[in-house]
């Protein structure tokens, strides 16, 4: 399986695939691949003729240099795991290739970028939207695959596709979790064993929120308050935010109507973790 770093070679490969009428599945990642990523790759392989996985730690979406520097990296391992899951090509550009000297064009998805992660990490979604737009242009995918854990990011990408008329079908896939319920994330590798065990309490809080909604509680603040109680039981946790929101606008719901999205972000030691779920009228 080739690992492509240069833009000209990638464009040549993609051009040839398009001439042959091949469908392209695309899974954008920052590497440190885990089962959540691999499930996206497997789904992409089922639905497309050719699968591209990008591995690029995007510097412009980090609000803290220490977070960027400490982000786990391991291209050789990533390539092996991606190939086993059905990837046909890894695109692993340098920062200089995507942001050459003189680069000055950025993409903003304005309203959806403001709350929650946008408030906590200024400039984050500007970086996400910019790199996703660039990667869509380069890879020209038929379908793109994102995880549901990053609910705000997935919603923002959907808006990006609609607003800029990208001919891309967005697939948002279920969150893959560890045995204790912790959502799989590349940042989990930065947790100590004890922190990793305790972080499963985030899922407990989400489940409690979902249970209250399914039992008929419709006051958004009451649900959020109860979730905070559950989170505060986790030793040494620091709550960033907990919210019950409209899954399309991301605005907090005073009165909950279904479907509703539950969002949470916490600090465990020096590691920031996010999670979320959607409560709908569908059974199961």
Protein backbone atom coordinates (compact mmCIF):
# COMPACT_ATOMS: atom_id res chain seq x y z
CA UNK A 1 0.00 0.00 0.00
CA UNK A 2 1.54 3.32 -1.04
CA UNK A 3 2.20 6.16 1.38
CA UNK A 4 1.93 9.34 -0.68
CA UNK A 5 3.43 12.56 0.64
CA UNK A 6 3.53 14.82 -2.40
CA UNK A 7 0.51 16.61 -3.84
CA UNK A 8 1.42 16.01 -7.53
CA UNK A 9 1.54 12.23 -7.08
CA UNK A 10 -1.74 12.21 -5.16
CA UNK A 11 -3.43 14.27 -7.86
CA UNK A 12 -2.17 11.88 -10.54
CA UNK A 13 -3.51 8.83 -8.70
CA UNK A 14 -6.87 10.46 -7.97
CA UNK A 15 -7.14 11.67 -11.58
CA UNK A 16 -6.58 8.15 -12.87
CA UNK A 17 -9.21 6.73 -10.51
CA UNK A 18 -11.72 9.34 -11.63
CA UNK A 19 -11.06 8.60 -15.32
CA UNK A 20 -11.84 4.94 -14.61
CA UNK A 21 -15.07 5.87 -12.83
CA UNK A 22 -13.92 4.48 -9.48
CA UNK A 23 -15.65 5.59 -6.30
CA UNK A 24 -13.37 6.93 -3.54
CA UNK A 25 -13.97 6.61 0.18
CA UNK A 26 -12.04 9.05 2.37
CA UNK A 27 -11.21 8.86 6.07
CA UNK A 28 -9.37 11.96 7.33
CA UNK A 29 -7.33 11.35 10.48
CA UNK A 30 -4.51 12.84 12.51
CA UNK A 31 -2.98 9.41 12.93
CA UNK A 32 -2.53 7.32 16.08
CA UNK A 33 -5.20 5.08 14.58
CA UNK A 34 -7.47 3.15 16.91
CA UNK A 35 -10.52 0.92 16.46
CA UNK A 36 -12.75 3.93 15.90
CA UNK A 37 -10.70 4.94 12.85
CA UNK A 38 -10.48 1.35 11.66
CA UNK A 39 -14.26 0.94 11.78
CA UNK A 40 -14.55 3.98 9.49
CA UNK A 41 -11.98 2.50 7.09
CA UNK A 42 -13.79 -0.83 7.01
CA UNK A 43 -17.08 0.90 6.25
CA UNK A 44 -15.43 2.97 3.52
CA UNK A 45 -14.03 -0.22 1.97
CA UNK A 46 -17.51 -1.76 1.88
CA UNK A 47 -19.05 1.22 0.11
CA UNK A 48 -16.31 2.32 -2.31
CA UNK A 49 -13.88 0.99 -4.90
CA UNK A 50 -10.84 2.72 -3.41
CA UNK A 51 -10.10 4.02 0.12
CA UNK A 52 -7.82 6.94 0.97
CA UNK A 53 -6.81 7.66 4.57
CA UNK A 54 -5.08 10.93 5.35
CA UNK A 55 -2.64 11.06 8.26
CA UNK A 56 -1.89 14.68 9.08
CA UNK A 57 -1.55 16.37 12.46
CA UNK A 58 -3.03 19.69 11.43
CA UNK A 59 -1.10 22.50 13.16
CA UNK A 60 -3.68 25.22 12.55
CA UNK A 61 -6.43 23.52 14.55
CA UNK A 62 -4.46 23.45 17.81
CA UNK A 63 -4.87 26.34 20.23
CA UNK A 64 -1.95 25.20 22.41
CA UNK A 65 1.54 24.39 21.13
CA UNK A 66 1.98 21.80 23.90
CA UNK A 67 -1.11 19.92 22.69
CA UNK A 68 0.22 19.86 19.13
CA UNK A 69 3.69 18.73 20.24
CA UNK A 70 2.37 15.94 22.48
CA UNK A 71 -0.17 14.56 20.00
CA UNK A 72 0.70 10.87 19.45
CA UNK A 73 2.33 9.99 16.14
CA UNK A 74 3.33 6.70 14.49
CA UNK A 75 2.97 6.56 10.70
CA UNK A 76 4.43 3.09 10.21
CA UNK A 77 2.00 1.51 12.66
CA UNK A 78 -0.87 3.58 11.27
CA UNK A 79 -0.15 2.42 7.72
CA UNK A 80 -0.06 -1.23 8.74
CA UNK A 81 -3.35 -1.03 10.63
CA UNK A 82 -5.05 0.99 7.91
CA UNK A 83 -4.03 -1.52 5.23
CA UNK A 84 -5.40 -4.40 7.30
CA UNK A 85 -8.74 -2.56 7.57
CA UNK A 86 -9.02 -2.03 3.81
CA UNK A 87 -7.16 1.20 3.05
CA UNK A 88 -5.64 1.45 -0.44
CA UNK A 89 -3.55 4.61 -0.01
CA UNK A 90 -2.22 6.73 2.85
CA UNK A 91 -1.87 10.44 2.20
CA UNK A 92 0.62 11.85 4.70
CA UNK A 93 1.62 15.36 3.59
CA UNK A 94 3.97 17.69 5.41
CA UNK A 95 2.65 20.90 6.92
CA UNK A 96 4.68 22.77 4.34
CA UNK A 97 2.90 20.98 1.51
CA UNK A 98 -0.55 22.00 2.71
CA UNK A 99 0.45 25.41 4.07
CA UNK A 100 3.33 26.67 1.90
CA UNK A 101 4.97 30.06 2.44
CA UNK A 102 2.49 32.80 1.63
CA UNK A 103 -0.57 30.70 2.49
CA UNK A 104 -3.35 33.07 3.61
CA UNK A 105 -6.76 31.53 2.83
CA UNK A 106 -8.90 30.09 5.59
CA UNK A 107 -12.43 28.67 5.85
CA UNK A 108 -14.86 29.66 8.60
CA UNK A 109 -18.18 27.99 9.32
CA UNK A 110 -19.32 30.89 11.42
CA UNK A 111 -22.22 30.12 13.76
CA UNK A 112 -21.53 26.43 14.27
CA UNK A 113 -17.92 27.22 15.22
CA UNK A 114 -18.83 29.50 18.12
CA UNK A 115 -20.17 27.33 20.98
CA UNK A 116 -18.75 24.42 22.95
CA UNK A 117 -15.44 23.34 21.38
CA UNK A 118 -15.22 26.66 19.54
CA UNK A 119 -15.47 28.60 22.79
CA UNK A 120 -13.04 26.31 24.58
CA UNK A 121 -10.50 26.17 21.73
CA UNK A 122 -10.40 29.47 19.83
CA UNK A 123 -9.54 29.00 16.16
CA UNK A 124 -9.94 25.22 16.34
CA UNK A 125 -12.80 24.92 13.88
CA UNK A 126 -11.27 27.42 11.50
CA UNK A 127 -8.35 25.03 11.26
CA UNK A 128 -10.63 21.99 10.91
CA UNK A 129 -12.77 23.57 8.18
CA UNK A 130 -9.71 24.78 6.27
CA UNK A 131 -7.91 21.45 6.25
CA UNK A 132 -11.07 19.48 5.44
CA UNK A 133 -11.82 21.77 2.50
CA UNK A 134 -8.25 21.35 1.22
CA UNK A 135 -8.36 17.57 1.62
CA UNK A 136 -11.72 17.32 -0.13
CA UNK A 137 -10.26 19.26 -3.07
CA UNK A 138 -7.18 17.04 -3.20
CA UNK A 139 -8.79 13.63 -2.66
CA UNK A 140 -12.09 14.37 -4.46
CA UNK A 141 -13.91 11.68 -2.47
CA UNK A 142 -17.26 10.16 -3.29
CA UNK A 143 -17.93 9.60 0.40
CA UNK A 144 -16.20 10.90 3.54
CA UNK A 145 -16.34 9.17 6.93
CA UNK A 146 -16.37 10.83 10.36
CA UNK A 147 -17.11 9.53 13.86
CA UNK A 148 -20.09 10.61 15.93
CA UNK A 149 -17.97 11.25 19.04
CA UNK A 150 -16.90 14.61 17.61
CA UNK A 151 -20.51 15.65 17.08
CA UNK A 152 -19.86 19.35 16.62
CA UNK A 153 -17.11 18.65 14.09
CA UNK A 154 -19.34 16.30 12.10
CA UNK A 155 -22.14 18.86 12.02
CA UNK A 156 -19.70 21.56 10.93
CA UNK A 157 -18.38 19.37 8.10
CA UNK A 158 -21.92 18.73 6.90
CA UNK A 159 -22.53 22.49 6.77
CA UNK A 160 -19.23 22.97 4.94
CA UNK A 161 -20.25 20.43 2.31
CA UNK A 162 -23.63 22.08 1.81
CA UNK A 163 -22.39 25.67 1.76
CA UNK A 164 -19.44 25.11 -0.59
CA UNK A 165 -21.21 22.57 -2.80
CA UNK A 166 -18.68 19.80 -2.36
CA UNK A 167 -19.90 16.72 -4.28
CA UNK A 168 -19.26 14.54 -1.23
CA UNK A 169 -21.61 12.24 0.69
CA UNK A 170 -20.95 12.50 4.44
CA UNK A 171 -21.15 9.32 6.49
CA UNK A 172 -21.23 9.85 10.26
CA UNK A 173 -20.65 6.54 12.01
CA UNK A 174 -21.36 5.41 15.60
CA UNK A 175 -18.82 6.00 18.35
CA UNK A 176 -16.60 3.01 19.11
CA UNK A 177 -15.95 2.55 22.83
CA UNK A 178 -13.55 0.71 25.06
CA UNK A 179 -14.91 -2.04 27.31
CA UNK A 180 -15.66 0.42 30.13
CA UNK A 181 -17.50 2.84 27.84
CA UNK A 182 -14.74 5.39 27.23
CA UNK A 183 -14.96 6.70 23.67
CA UNK A 184 -11.92 5.67 21.69
CA UNK A 185 -9.61 8.60 20.99
CA UNK A 186 -5.98 9.03 20.05
CA UNK A 187 -5.60 11.10 23.21
CA UNK A 188 -6.52 8.13 25.40
CA UNK A 189 -2.92 6.95 25.03
CA UNK A 190 -1.87 10.01 27.06
CA UNK A 191 -3.94 8.88 30.06
CA UNK A 192 -2.45 6.89 32.91
CA UNK A 193 -4.08 3.47 33.54
CA UNK A 194 -5.91 4.93 36.53
CA UNK A 195 -7.14 7.96 34.57
CA UNK A 196 -8.27 5.72 31.75
CA UNK A 197 -10.40 3.65 34.12
CA UNK A 198 -11.90 6.73 35.76
CA UNK A 199 -12.63 8.36 32.40
CA UNK A 200 -15.26 5.70 31.71
CA UNK A 201 -17.44 7.79 34.02
CA UNK A 202 -17.95 10.23 31.13
CA UNK A 203 -20.05 7.60 29.38
CA UNK A 204 -21.95 6.99 32.62
CA UNK A 205 -22.94 10.67 32.60
CA UNK A 206 -24.10 10.48 28.98
CA UNK A 207 -26.13 7.40 29.73
CA UNK A 208 -27.74 9.12 32.70
CA UNK A 209 -28.70 12.05 30.50
CA UNK A 210 -30.18 9.72 27.91
CA UNK A 211 -32.06 7.77 30.57
CA UNK A 212 -33.66 10.93 31.95
CA UNK A 213 -34.80 12.01 28.49
CA UNK A 214 -36.25 8.59 27.72
CA UNK A 215 -38.05 8.65 31.08
CA UNK A 216 -39.75 11.90 30.13
CA UNK A 217 -37.55 14.64 31.60
CA UNK A 218 -37.74 17.58 29.22
CA UNK A 219 -35.92 20.35 31.09
CA UNK A 220 -32.51 20.64 29.50
CA UNK A 221 -30.86 22.30 32.48
CA UNK A 222 -32.15 19.62 34.86
CA UNK A 223 -30.63 16.94 32.65
CA UNK A 224 -27.31 18.79 32.39
CA UNK A 225 -27.25 19.35 36.15
CA UNK A 226 -27.75 15.66 36.83
CA UNK A 227 -24.97 14.77 34.40
CA UNK A 228 -22.63 17.15 36.22
CA UNK A 229 -23.42 15.32 39.46
CA UNK A 230 -22.37 12.04 37.85
CA UNK A 231 -19.19 13.57 36.41
CA UNK A 232 -18.19 15.09 39.76
CA UNK A 233 -18.03 11.59 41.20
CA UNK A 234 -14.92 11.00 39.07
CA UNK A 235 -11.84 11.80 41.18
CA UNK A 236 -9.74 14.71 39.90
CA UNK A 237 -12.03 15.48 36.97
CA UNK A 238 -12.53 19.04 35.77
CA UNK A 239 -15.74 19.67 33.83
CA UNK A 240 -15.40 21.95 30.82
CA UNK A 241 -19.01 21.76 29.64
CA UNK A 242 -22.08 19.54 29.63
CA UNK A 243 -25.07 20.36 27.43
CA UNK A 244 -28.23 19.07 25.82
CA UNK A 245 -28.47 20.70 22.40
CA UNK A 246 -30.32 20.80 19.12
CA UNK A 247 -28.24 18.48 16.88
CA UNK A 248 -28.62 20.77 13.88
CA UNK A 249 -28.05 24.22 15.41
CA UNK A 250 -26.04 23.08 18.48
CA UNK A 251 -28.02 25.55 20.57
CA UNK A 252 -28.83 24.45 24.15
CA UNK A 253 -32.34 23.15 24.62
CA UNK A 254 -34.40 24.63 27.45
CA UNK A 255 -37.17 22.22 26.55
CA UNK A 256 -35.90 18.98 25.07
CA UNK A 257 -37.40 17.78 21.81
CA UNK A 258 -36.16 14.69 20.03
CA UNK A 259 -33.77 14.12 18.49
CA UNK A 260 -31.42 15.79 20.96
CA UNK A 261 -27.64 15.69 21.24
CA UNK A 262 -25.79 15.39 24.55
CA UNK A 263 -22.30 16.87 24.63
CA UNK A 264 -19.60 16.69 27.29
CA UNK A 265 -15.99 17.79 27.64
CA UNK A 266 -13.77 17.19 30.67
CA UNK A 267 -10.16 17.33 31.73
CA UNK A 268 -8.50 14.24 33.19
CA UNK A 269 -5.17 15.45 34.46
CA UNK A 270 -3.62 17.26 31.50
CA UNK A 271 -5.76 15.47 28.88
CA UNK A 272 -8.96 16.95 27.51
CA UNK A 273 -11.62 14.42 26.48
CA UNK A 274 -14.87 14.99 24.60
CA UNK A 275 -17.83 12.70 24.08
CA UNK A 276 -21.42 12.84 22.98
CA UNK A 277 -24.48 10.92 21.90
CA UNK A 278 -27.79 11.47 20.17
CA UNK A 279 -31.10 10.57 21.79
CA UNK A 280 -33.79 9.96 19.20
CA UNK A 281 -37.23 8.46 18.91
CA UNK A 282 -35.76 5.37 17.31
CA UNK A 283 -35.62 2.24 19.42
CA UNK A 284 -32.30 0.59 20.17
